[in-house]
N, C-alpha and C. Protein backbone atom coordinates (compact mmCIF):
# COMPACT_ATOMS: atom_id res chain seq x y z
N MET A 1 178.31 58.70 -25.31
CA MET A 1 177.95 60.00 -24.83
C MET A 1 179.08 60.95 -25.17
N ALA A 2 178.72 62.15 -25.50
CA ALA A 2 179.73 63.16 -25.86
C ALA A 2 180.47 63.59 -24.62
N THR A 3 181.74 63.78 -24.82
CA THR A 3 182.54 64.25 -23.68
C THR A 3 182.68 65.76 -23.77
N ALA A 4 182.74 66.35 -22.64
CA ALA A 4 182.87 67.81 -22.60
C ALA A 4 184.31 68.19 -22.85
N PRO A 5 184.56 69.30 -23.59
CA PRO A 5 185.93 69.75 -23.78
C PRO A 5 186.57 70.05 -22.45
N SER A 6 187.84 70.05 -22.44
CA SER A 6 188.51 70.24 -21.16
C SER A 6 188.19 71.61 -20.61
N GLY A 7 187.90 71.65 -19.39
CA GLY A 7 187.56 72.87 -18.71
C GLY A 7 186.10 73.26 -18.87
N ALA A 8 185.36 72.52 -19.65
CA ALA A 8 183.94 72.84 -19.84
C ALA A 8 183.11 72.05 -18.86
N HIS A 9 182.01 72.60 -18.60
CA HIS A 9 181.08 71.92 -17.69
C HIS A 9 180.54 70.68 -18.38
N PRO A 10 180.32 69.57 -17.65
CA PRO A 10 179.86 68.34 -18.31
C PRO A 10 178.48 68.48 -18.95
N ILE A 11 177.70 69.43 -18.58
CA ILE A 11 176.36 69.59 -19.15
C ILE A 11 176.43 70.46 -20.40
N ALA A 12 177.59 70.77 -20.87
CA ALA A 12 177.73 71.65 -22.03
C ALA A 12 177.10 71.05 -23.27
N CYS A 13 177.09 69.75 -23.37
CA CYS A 13 176.47 69.11 -24.54
C CYS A 13 174.94 69.05 -24.40
N VAL A 14 174.42 69.16 -23.25
CA VAL A 14 172.99 69.02 -23.00
C VAL A 14 172.18 70.16 -23.61
N PRO A 15 172.70 71.40 -23.62
CA PRO A 15 171.86 72.46 -24.15
C PRO A 15 171.39 72.20 -25.58
N ARG A 16 172.17 71.59 -26.40
CA ARG A 16 171.73 71.33 -27.77
C ARG A 16 170.55 70.38 -27.77
N VAL A 17 170.61 69.33 -27.01
CA VAL A 17 169.50 68.38 -26.91
C VAL A 17 168.30 69.08 -26.28
N ALA A 18 168.59 69.85 -25.26
CA ALA A 18 167.50 70.57 -24.61
C ALA A 18 166.88 71.56 -25.56
N PHE A 19 167.68 72.17 -26.43
CA PHE A 19 167.15 73.12 -27.39
C PHE A 19 166.21 72.43 -28.36
N LEU A 20 166.60 71.24 -28.83
CA LEU A 20 165.73 70.49 -29.73
C LEU A 20 164.43 70.12 -29.04
N VAL A 21 164.54 69.69 -27.83
CA VAL A 21 163.32 69.36 -27.08
C VAL A 21 162.48 70.61 -26.88
N PHE A 22 163.16 71.70 -26.57
CA PHE A 22 162.46 72.97 -26.38
C PHE A 22 161.78 73.39 -27.67
N LYS A 23 162.52 73.21 -28.81
CA LYS A 23 161.96 73.57 -30.10
C LYS A 23 160.74 72.71 -30.40
N GLU A 24 160.80 71.41 -30.13
CA GLU A 24 159.65 70.53 -30.34
C GLU A 24 158.50 70.90 -29.42
N SER A 25 158.83 71.28 -28.19
CA SER A 25 157.76 71.67 -27.30
C SER A 25 157.11 72.97 -27.76
N ASN A 26 157.92 73.86 -28.43
CA ASN A 26 157.32 75.06 -29.01
C ASN A 26 156.34 74.69 -30.11
N ILE A 27 156.73 73.73 -30.94
CA ILE A 27 155.82 73.27 -32.00
C ILE A 27 154.57 72.66 -31.37
N MET A 28 154.79 71.82 -30.39
CA MET A 28 153.65 71.21 -29.71
C MET A 28 152.84 72.26 -28.98
N GLY A 29 153.59 73.23 -28.42
CA GLY A 29 152.91 74.32 -27.73
C GLY A 29 152.06 75.12 -28.69
N PHE A 30 152.47 75.20 -29.95
CA PHE A 30 151.69 75.91 -30.95
C PHE A 30 150.51 75.07 -31.44
N LEU A 31 150.75 73.76 -31.60
CA LEU A 31 149.69 72.87 -32.09
C LEU A 31 148.56 72.69 -31.09
N VAL A 32 148.91 72.62 -29.84
CA VAL A 32 147.88 72.37 -28.83
C VAL A 32 146.84 73.48 -28.82
N PRO A 33 147.22 74.78 -28.75
CA PRO A 33 146.18 75.81 -28.79
C PRO A 33 145.43 75.83 -30.11
N ALA A 34 146.15 75.54 -31.21
CA ALA A 34 145.48 75.51 -32.51
C ALA A 34 144.44 74.40 -32.54
N LEU A 35 144.81 73.23 -32.04
CA LEU A 35 143.85 72.12 -32.00
C LEU A 35 142.71 72.41 -31.04
N GLU A 36 143.06 73.05 -29.92
CA GLU A 36 142.00 73.42 -28.97
C GLU A 36 141.03 74.41 -29.60
N ALA A 37 141.57 75.32 -30.41
CA ALA A 37 140.71 76.30 -31.07
C ALA A 37 139.88 75.65 -32.17
N ALA A 38 140.47 74.68 -32.87
CA ALA A 38 139.76 74.05 -33.99
C ALA A 38 138.82 72.94 -33.52
N ALA A 39 139.05 72.40 -32.35
CA ALA A 39 138.26 71.27 -31.87
C ALA A 39 136.77 71.57 -31.82
N PRO A 40 136.33 72.71 -31.29
CA PRO A 40 134.89 72.94 -31.25
C PRO A 40 134.25 72.94 -32.64
N SER A 41 134.93 73.55 -33.61
CA SER A 41 134.33 73.57 -34.94
C SER A 41 134.36 72.19 -35.57
N LEU A 42 135.45 71.44 -35.36
CA LEU A 42 135.50 70.09 -35.90
C LEU A 42 134.48 69.19 -35.23
N LEU A 43 134.48 69.23 -33.91
CA LEU A 43 133.51 68.41 -33.19
C LEU A 43 132.09 68.89 -33.43
N GLY A 44 131.93 70.21 -33.52
CA GLY A 44 130.60 70.76 -33.80
C GLY A 44 130.10 70.29 -35.15
N GLY A 45 131.02 70.25 -36.13
CA GLY A 45 130.63 69.74 -37.45
C GLY A 45 130.24 68.29 -37.38
N LEU A 46 131.01 67.50 -36.63
CA LEU A 46 130.67 66.09 -36.50
C LEU A 46 129.37 65.91 -35.75
N VAL A 47 129.23 66.62 -34.63
CA VAL A 47 128.01 66.51 -33.84
C VAL A 47 126.85 67.13 -34.60
N GLY A 48 127.11 68.28 -35.26
CA GLY A 48 126.06 68.92 -36.06
C GLY A 48 125.59 68.00 -37.17
N GLY A 49 126.54 67.35 -37.82
CA GLY A 49 126.17 66.39 -38.86
C GLY A 49 125.37 65.25 -38.29
N ALA A 50 125.78 64.79 -37.11
CA ALA A 50 125.04 63.71 -36.46
C ALA A 50 123.65 64.18 -36.05
N SER A 51 123.58 65.41 -35.50
CA SER A 51 122.26 65.89 -35.08
C SER A 51 121.39 66.16 -36.30
N ASN A 52 122.02 66.61 -37.41
CA ASN A 52 121.24 66.77 -38.64
C ASN A 52 120.74 65.42 -39.12
N GLY A 53 121.57 64.41 -38.99
CA GLY A 53 121.13 63.06 -39.36
C GLY A 53 119.99 62.59 -38.48
N VAL A 54 120.10 62.88 -37.19
CA VAL A 54 119.03 62.50 -36.26
C VAL A 54 117.75 63.24 -36.61
N LEU A 55 117.88 64.54 -36.86
CA LEU A 55 116.71 65.34 -37.23
C LEU A 55 116.10 64.84 -38.54
N ALA A 56 116.95 64.51 -39.49
CA ALA A 56 116.45 63.99 -40.76
C ALA A 56 115.73 62.67 -40.54
N GLY A 57 116.28 61.83 -39.66
CA GLY A 57 115.61 60.57 -39.34
C GLY A 57 114.26 60.79 -38.68
N MET A 58 114.24 61.75 -37.75
CA MET A 58 112.98 62.05 -37.07
C MET A 58 111.95 62.62 -38.04
N LEU A 59 112.41 63.49 -38.95
CA LEU A 59 111.49 64.02 -39.96
C LEU A 59 110.98 62.91 -40.86
N GLY A 60 111.85 61.99 -41.21
CA GLY A 60 111.41 60.85 -42.03
C GLY A 60 110.38 60.00 -41.32
N GLU A 61 110.61 59.75 -40.03
CA GLU A 61 109.64 58.99 -39.25
C GLU A 61 108.32 59.75 -39.15
N ASN A 62 108.40 61.06 -38.94
CA ASN A 62 107.19 61.87 -38.84
C ASN A 62 106.42 61.85 -40.17
N ASN A 63 107.15 61.95 -41.28
CA ASN A 63 106.49 61.89 -42.59
C ASN A 63 105.83 60.54 -42.81
N ALA A 64 106.50 59.47 -42.40
CA ALA A 64 105.92 58.14 -42.54
C ALA A 64 104.67 58.01 -41.67
N PHE A 65 104.73 58.56 -40.46
CA PHE A 65 103.58 58.51 -39.56
C PHE A 65 102.41 59.30 -40.14
N GLN A 66 102.70 60.50 -40.68
CA GLN A 66 101.66 61.33 -41.28
C GLN A 66 101.05 60.64 -42.50
N THR A 67 101.90 59.98 -43.28
CA THR A 67 101.40 59.24 -44.44
C THR A 67 100.49 58.10 -43.99
N GLY A 68 100.88 57.42 -42.92
CA GLY A 68 100.03 56.36 -42.36
C GLY A 68 98.70 56.89 -41.88
N LEU A 69 98.74 58.04 -41.22
CA LEU A 69 97.49 58.66 -40.75
C LEU A 69 96.61 59.04 -41.93
N GLN A 70 97.20 59.59 -42.98
CA GLN A 70 96.42 59.96 -44.16
C GLN A 70 95.82 58.72 -44.81
N ALA A 71 96.58 57.64 -44.85
CA ALA A 71 96.06 56.39 -45.43
C ALA A 71 94.89 55.88 -44.59
N GLN A 72 95.02 55.95 -43.25
CA GLN A 72 93.92 55.53 -42.40
C GLN A 72 92.69 56.40 -42.61
N GLN A 73 92.92 57.71 -42.73
CA GLN A 73 91.81 58.63 -42.92
C GLN A 73 91.13 58.36 -44.26
N MET A 74 91.93 58.10 -45.30
CA MET A 74 91.35 57.80 -46.60
C MET A 74 90.54 56.50 -46.56
N ALA A 75 91.06 55.49 -45.86
CA ALA A 75 90.34 54.23 -45.74
C ALA A 75 89.04 54.43 -44.97
N ALA A 76 89.08 55.21 -43.90
CA ALA A 76 87.87 55.48 -43.12
C ALA A 76 86.87 56.26 -43.97
N GLN A 77 87.36 57.22 -44.77
CA GLN A 77 86.47 58.01 -45.63
C GLN A 77 85.84 57.12 -46.69
N GLN A 78 86.61 56.20 -47.24
CA GLN A 78 86.06 55.27 -48.23
C GLN A 78 84.99 54.39 -47.59
N GLN A 79 85.23 53.94 -46.35
CA GLN A 79 84.25 53.13 -45.64
C GLN A 79 82.98 53.94 -45.40
N MET A 80 83.14 55.22 -45.00
CA MET A 80 81.97 56.07 -44.79
C MET A 80 81.21 56.31 -46.09
N ASP A 81 81.96 56.51 -47.18
CA ASP A 81 81.31 56.70 -48.49
C ASP A 81 80.54 55.45 -48.89
N LEU A 82 81.13 54.28 -48.64
CA LEU A 82 80.44 53.02 -48.95
C LEU A 82 79.18 52.88 -48.12
N GLN A 83 79.27 53.17 -46.82
CA GLN A 83 78.09 53.10 -45.96
C GLN A 83 77.03 54.09 -46.40
N ALA A 84 77.45 55.30 -46.79
CA ALA A 84 76.49 56.30 -47.25
C ALA A 84 75.81 55.83 -48.53
N THR A 85 76.57 55.22 -49.43
CA THR A 85 75.99 54.71 -50.67
C THR A 85 75.00 53.59 -50.40
N VAL A 86 75.36 52.68 -49.52
CA VAL A 86 74.45 51.58 -49.16
C VAL A 86 73.19 52.14 -48.50
N PHE A 87 73.35 53.11 -47.62
CA PHE A 87 72.20 53.73 -46.95
C PHE A 87 71.30 54.44 -47.96
N ASP A 88 71.91 55.20 -48.88
CA ASP A 88 71.11 55.90 -49.90
C ASP A 88 70.34 54.91 -50.77
N GLU A 89 71.00 53.82 -51.15
CA GLU A 89 70.31 52.80 -51.96
C GLU A 89 69.16 52.17 -51.18
N ALA A 90 69.37 51.90 -49.88
CA ALA A 90 68.31 51.33 -49.04
C ALA A 90 67.14 52.31 -48.92
N MET A 91 67.44 53.60 -48.76
CA MET A 91 66.38 54.61 -48.66
C MET A 91 65.63 54.76 -49.98
N ASP A 92 66.37 54.68 -51.10
CA ASP A 92 65.71 54.72 -52.42
C ASP A 92 64.78 53.53 -52.60
N GLN A 93 65.24 52.36 -52.17
CA GLN A 93 64.40 51.16 -52.28
C GLN A 93 63.17 51.28 -51.39
N GLN A 94 63.37 51.79 -50.18
CA GLN A 94 62.23 51.97 -49.27
C GLN A 94 61.23 52.97 -49.85
N ALA A 95 61.72 54.04 -50.43
CA ALA A 95 60.83 55.03 -51.04
C ALA A 95 60.05 54.41 -52.20
N GLU A 96 60.74 53.60 -53.01
CA GLU A 96 60.05 52.92 -54.13
C GLU A 96 58.99 51.97 -53.60
N ASN A 97 59.31 51.23 -52.54
CA ASN A 97 58.32 50.33 -51.93
C ASN A 97 57.11 51.12 -51.41
N MET A 98 57.36 52.27 -50.78
CA MET A 98 56.25 53.08 -50.26
C MET A 98 55.38 53.60 -51.41
N ARG A 99 56.00 53.99 -52.54
CA ARG A 99 55.21 54.44 -53.70
C ARG A 99 54.35 53.31 -54.24
N GLU A 100 54.91 52.11 -54.31
CA GLU A 100 54.13 50.96 -54.77
C GLU A 100 52.96 50.67 -53.83
N ILE A 101 53.24 50.72 -52.52
CA ILE A 101 52.18 50.49 -51.53
C ILE A 101 51.08 51.54 -51.68
N ASN A 102 51.49 52.80 -51.83
CA ASN A 102 50.50 53.87 -52.00
C ASN A 102 49.69 53.69 -53.28
N THR A 103 50.34 53.27 -54.36
CA THR A 103 49.63 53.03 -55.62
C THR A 103 48.63 51.89 -55.46
N LEU A 104 49.06 50.81 -54.79
CA LEU A 104 48.15 49.68 -54.54
C LEU A 104 46.99 50.10 -53.64
N ARG A 105 47.30 50.92 -52.63
CA ARG A 105 46.25 51.41 -51.74
C ARG A 105 45.25 52.28 -52.51
N ASP A 106 45.76 53.15 -53.39
CA ASP A 106 44.88 53.98 -54.20
C ASP A 106 44.00 53.12 -55.12
N ALA A 107 44.59 52.06 -55.69
CA ALA A 107 43.82 51.16 -56.55
C ALA A 107 42.77 50.43 -55.73
N GLN A 108 43.14 50.02 -54.53
CA GLN A 108 42.19 49.33 -53.66
C GLN A 108 41.03 50.26 -53.29
N MET A 109 41.32 51.53 -52.99
CA MET A 109 40.27 52.50 -52.64
C MET A 109 39.34 52.73 -53.84
N ALA A 110 39.94 52.81 -55.03
CA ALA A 110 39.10 52.98 -56.23
C ALA A 110 38.21 51.77 -56.43
N GLN A 111 38.78 50.57 -56.17
CA GLN A 111 37.97 49.35 -56.31
C GLN A 111 36.83 49.33 -55.29
N ARG A 112 37.08 49.76 -54.05
CA ARG A 112 36.04 49.82 -53.02
C ARG A 112 34.93 50.80 -53.42
N LYS A 113 35.34 51.97 -53.95
CA LYS A 113 34.32 52.93 -54.39
C LYS A 113 33.46 52.34 -55.49
N ALA A 114 34.12 51.65 -56.40
CA ALA A 114 33.35 51.01 -57.48
C ALA A 114 32.43 49.94 -56.91
N ASP A 115 32.94 49.15 -55.96
CA ASP A 115 32.11 48.11 -55.33
C ASP A 115 30.94 48.74 -54.58
N ASP A 116 31.21 49.85 -53.88
CA ASP A 116 30.14 50.53 -53.16
C ASP A 116 29.07 51.04 -54.13
N GLY A 117 29.52 51.58 -55.27
CA GLY A 117 28.54 52.05 -56.28
C GLY A 117 27.70 50.91 -56.81
N ILE A 118 28.34 49.76 -57.06
CA ILE A 118 27.60 48.59 -57.55
C ILE A 118 26.62 48.10 -56.49
N THR A 119 27.10 48.09 -55.23
CA THR A 119 26.23 47.63 -54.14
C THR A 119 25.03 48.57 -54.00
N LYS A 120 25.20 49.86 -54.09
CA LYS A 120 24.09 50.83 -53.99
C LYS A 120 23.11 50.61 -55.12
N LYS A 121 23.60 50.39 -56.33
CA LYS A 121 22.71 50.15 -57.46
C LYS A 121 21.94 48.84 -57.25
N PHE A 122 22.63 47.81 -56.73
CA PHE A 122 21.95 46.54 -56.49
C PHE A 122 20.85 46.70 -55.45
N ILE A 123 21.16 47.46 -54.36
CA ILE A 123 20.15 47.68 -53.32
C ILE A 123 18.99 48.48 -53.90
N GLN A 124 19.27 49.46 -54.73
CA GLN A 124 18.18 50.24 -55.34
C GLN A 124 17.34 49.36 -56.25
N SER A 125 17.96 48.44 -56.95
CA SER A 125 17.21 47.59 -57.87
C SER A 125 16.33 46.61 -57.10
N ILE A 126 16.73 46.22 -55.93
CA ILE A 126 15.92 45.31 -55.15
C ILE A 126 14.71 46.06 -54.57
N GLY A 127 14.92 47.28 -54.19
CA GLY A 127 13.87 48.08 -53.56
C GLY A 127 12.83 48.55 -54.56
N GLU A 128 13.00 48.43 -55.83
CA GLU A 128 12.02 48.91 -56.77
C GLU A 128 11.04 47.90 -57.14
């Protein structure tokens, strides 16, 4: 430990050490407000980046969900189109069957008229 010159107070050497400590505390005193001022922007950038990442993740999930819904809708529409096609084909077949039945019925009626004409002629020939 440094000795004080004769007649000097024993704490005479302390001011230099205290000055260095004081000088360091001034630097620290300057850094603390600077860091306090910069902290919101630094933390905001970190949190903002994190929240942007969260938002991007949520948007990605939403896009995936919407794509899934569109795929389901397309599959349902294809199923409806298939059912409509099958129904149309069944109705076309039924219409064709009805036309055939009507044609056969018309032929049957023509045959009955012809049979009736023959029967009338036969009855007339018997009566003469």
